[in-house]
Structure formats: structure tokens, C-alpha cells
Protein backbone atom coordinates (compact mmCIF):
# COMPACT_ATOMS: atom_id res chain seq x y z
CA UNK A 1 -6.43 50.47 -16.37
CA UNK A 2 -4.81 47.85 -14.10
CA UNK A 3 -5.79 44.20 -13.92
CA UNK A 4 -7.23 43.12 -10.60
CA UNK A 5 -6.51 39.54 -9.52
CA UNK A 6 -9.60 37.33 -9.39
CA UNK A 7 -9.38 35.65 -6.04
CA UNK A 8 -12.47 33.30 -6.45
CA UNK A 9 -11.00 31.75 -9.71
CA UNK A 10 -7.54 31.05 -7.97
CA UNK A 11 -9.25 29.48 -4.96
CA UNK A 12 -11.44 27.25 -7.20
CA UNK A 13 -8.22 25.66 -8.69
CA UNK A 14 -7.13 22.30 -7.39
CA UNK A 15 -4.29 22.22 -5.32
CA UNK A 16 -0.86 21.54 -6.96
CA UNK A 17 0.86 18.27 -6.40
CA UNK A 18 4.77 18.44 -6.34
CA UNK A 19 6.21 16.14 -9.03
CA UNK A 20 8.00 14.10 -6.34
CA UNK A 21 4.65 13.07 -4.76
CA UNK A 22 2.75 12.00 -8.07
CA UNK A 23 1.88 8.54 -9.01
CA UNK A 24 1.58 7.28 -5.60
CA UNK A 25 -1.69 5.52 -4.63
CA UNK A 26 -3.27 6.99 -1.54
CA UNK A 27 -6.32 5.86 0.39
CA UNK A 28 -8.19 8.73 2.02
CA UNK A 29 -10.66 8.48 4.82
CA UNK A 30 -8.77 5.69 6.81
CA UNK A 31 -10.45 4.45 9.77
CA UNK A 32 -8.26 4.46 12.82
CA UNK A 33 -7.36 0.83 14.15
CA UNK A 34 -6.89 -0.62 10.58
CA UNK A 35 -3.93 -0.96 8.33
CA UNK A 36 -5.07 -0.26 4.55
CA UNK A 37 -3.38 -1.94 1.49
CA UNK A 38 -4.12 -1.75 -2.20
CA UNK A 39 -4.07 -5.30 -3.66
CA UNK A 40 -3.77 -6.14 -7.21
CA UNK A 41 -6.68 -8.24 -8.39
CA UNK A 42 -6.12 -9.89 -11.72
CA UNK A 43 -8.65 -12.33 -11.61
CA UNK A 44 -7.71 -14.06 -14.80
CA UNK A 45 -3.96 -14.60 -13.81
CA UNK A 46 -4.62 -15.19 -10.04
CA UNK A 47 -8.27 -15.86 -9.29
CA UNK A 48 -7.68 -16.62 -5.70
CA UNK A 49 -5.45 -13.88 -4.71
CA UNK A 50 -8.40 -11.68 -3.15
CA UNK A 51 -9.69 -14.80 -1.42
CA UNK A 52 -6.22 -15.58 0.12
CA UNK A 53 -6.29 -11.94 1.60
CA UNK A 54 -9.69 -12.44 2.98
CA UNK A 55 -8.75 -15.89 4.41
CA UNK A 56 -5.66 -14.02 6.33
CA UNK A 57 -8.03 -11.42 7.74
CA UNK A 58 -8.30 -8.74 5.05
CA UNK A 59 -11.64 -7.32 4.29
CA UNK A 60 -12.68 -5.34 1.10
CA UNK A 61 -13.43 -1.71 1.67
CA UNK A 62 -16.30 -0.25 -0.03
CA UNK A 63 -15.97 2.79 -2.29
CA UNK A 64 -18.19 4.69 -0.09
CA UNK A 65 -16.07 4.41 2.92
CA UNK A 66 -12.77 5.65 1.42
CA UNK A 67 -13.83 7.80 -1.56
CA UNK A 68 -11.43 8.28 -4.35
CA UNK A 69 -8.35 6.23 -4.62
CA UNK A 70 -5.05 7.45 -5.92
CA UNK A 71 -3.97 10.88 -7.30
CA UNK A 72 -5.78 13.13 -9.57
CA UNK A 73 -5.78 11.78 -13.20
CA UNK A 74 -7.63 12.58 -16.32
CA UNK A 75 -8.06 8.99 -17.50
CA UNK A 76 -9.17 7.62 -14.29
CA UNK A 77 -12.53 5.92 -14.93
CA UNK A 78 -15.01 5.49 -12.15
CA UNK A 79 -15.35 1.72 -11.15
CA UNK A 80 -18.79 -0.06 -11.23
CA UNK A 81 -20.20 -1.64 -8.11
CA UNK A 82 -19.44 -0.90 -4.38
CA UNK A 83 -15.68 -2.23 -4.22
CA UNK A 84 -13.10 0.59 -4.22
CA UNK A 85 -11.56 -0.60 -7.45
CA UNK A 86 -8.73 1.36 -9.36
CA UNK A 87 -6.85 0.69 -12.55
CA UNK A 88 -3.12 0.58 -11.75
CA UNK A 89 -2.01 0.31 -15.47
CA UNK A 90 -1.62 -2.17 -18.12
CA UNK A 91 -5.15 -3.65 -17.62
CA UNK A 92 -4.48 -4.32 -14.10
CA UNK A 93 -7.27 -3.68 -11.49
CA UNK A 94 -6.56 -3.31 -7.69
CA UNK A 95 -8.94 -2.95 -4.59
CA UNK A 96 -8.55 -1.38 -1.37
CA UNK A 97 -8.45 -4.05 1.76
CA UNK A 98 -7.91 -3.47 5.25
CA UNK A 99 -6.90 -5.48 8.19
CA UNK A 100 -7.20 -4.69 12.09
CA UNK A 101 -4.08 -2.91 13.19
CA UNK A 102 -3.28 -5.48 16.03
CA UNK A 103 -3.38 -8.30 13.58
CA UNK A 104 -1.15 -6.41 11.22
CA UNK A 105 1.44 -5.70 13.80
CA UNK A 106 1.43 -9.61 14.80
CA UNK A 107 1.87 -10.59 11.12
CA UNK A 108 4.89 -7.85 10.89
CA UNK A 109 6.31 -9.34 14.22
CA UNK A 110 6.18 -12.92 12.80
CA UNK A 111 7.88 -11.83 9.67
CA UNK A 112 10.57 -9.86 11.63
CA UNK A 113 11.15 -12.96 13.99
CA UNK A 114 11.91 -15.14 10.89
CA UNK A 115 14.54 -12.36 9.47
CA UNK A 116 15.95 -12.05 13.06
CA UNK A 117 16.31 -16.03 13.28
CA UNK A 118 18.09 -16.11 9.96
CA UNK A 119 20.38 -13.25 10.57
CA UNK A 120 21.27 -15.13 14.00
CA UNK A 121 22.80 -17.87 12.25
CA UNK A 122 24.91 -15.50 10.18
CA UNK A 123 26.36 -14.15 13.73
CA UNK A 124 27.35 -17.18 15.33
CA UNK A 125 30.99 -17.46 16.37
CA UNK A 126 32.60 -19.97 14.07
CA UNK A 127 35.42 -22.05 15.42
CA UNK A 128 37.72 -22.65 12.62
CA UNK A 129 40.68 -23.93 14.83
CA UNK A 130 43.97 -22.58 16.11
CA UNK A 131 47.05 -21.58 14.56
CA UNK A 132 50.35 -22.15 16.50
CA UNK A 133 53.74 -21.00 15.81
CA UNK A 134 56.69 -22.99 17.20
CA UNK A 135 60.21 -22.29 17.19
């Protein structure tokens, strides 16, 4: 008797993730028009970190909006509360935050302008004098 493949069991298995793509934190269900970021939230070491992001225009994203954060892990505990909290290792927790896309692009342009102005100072033609040879 030959064994018949069981297609229902194979389709129920989770999709294999290539080794090169593991250990990346990913945010699903991203709403268009926003830039998402995973922010470390060690309140013992830096209690004002999350508040500083909020002051800059970021907002906390509730867990029900983004769903599961990160890749498939056996040891991933379910966070309490409504924030999209994830353990990122060594006792560090992180939360998902987002900012409007136009504000994000504005911030990135300001950072790039600073880099451009710094690089411009390196490109200036320096006048080190002249060397003349006479016979």
C-alpha cells in the first residue's frame, strides 16, 4: 500500500521563514500615511523616553490596530494592557509608535540638511598658497 500525501496537514503548517529573515521586528497592519517605529521603553533607565517621542509628534499604537509584532517565537509572552508591547531581549520592552508620514519626511529632510551642510565644509576649495620655481 502506498502512502497518500495529506494536503490538509501541510496547508495547516505555518509558512517557513528563511533564516536570513529571522529576528527582525516587523509591524503588521500598518495604516497608510504613517511611519511606524519600534521604540525601546525601559522606564527604569530612561523614564522620559516615550514621552519625548510623544512630544515630537509620535503616538502609541494600540495592540488591536497592529496585531502581533515581530516574528513567530515560542517564548513570546502576550503583553498586558492595550499597548503593542514586545520583549526585545535582556529584560527590555519596546512599544510600537507612529508619526504622520509628512512629519517624518520633514524630520528626515532636516537631518539630511545638517549632514549636507557638514559635508559642504569639507568640499570647500582650500587656498594653500602658490609654489613658484625660478631659474
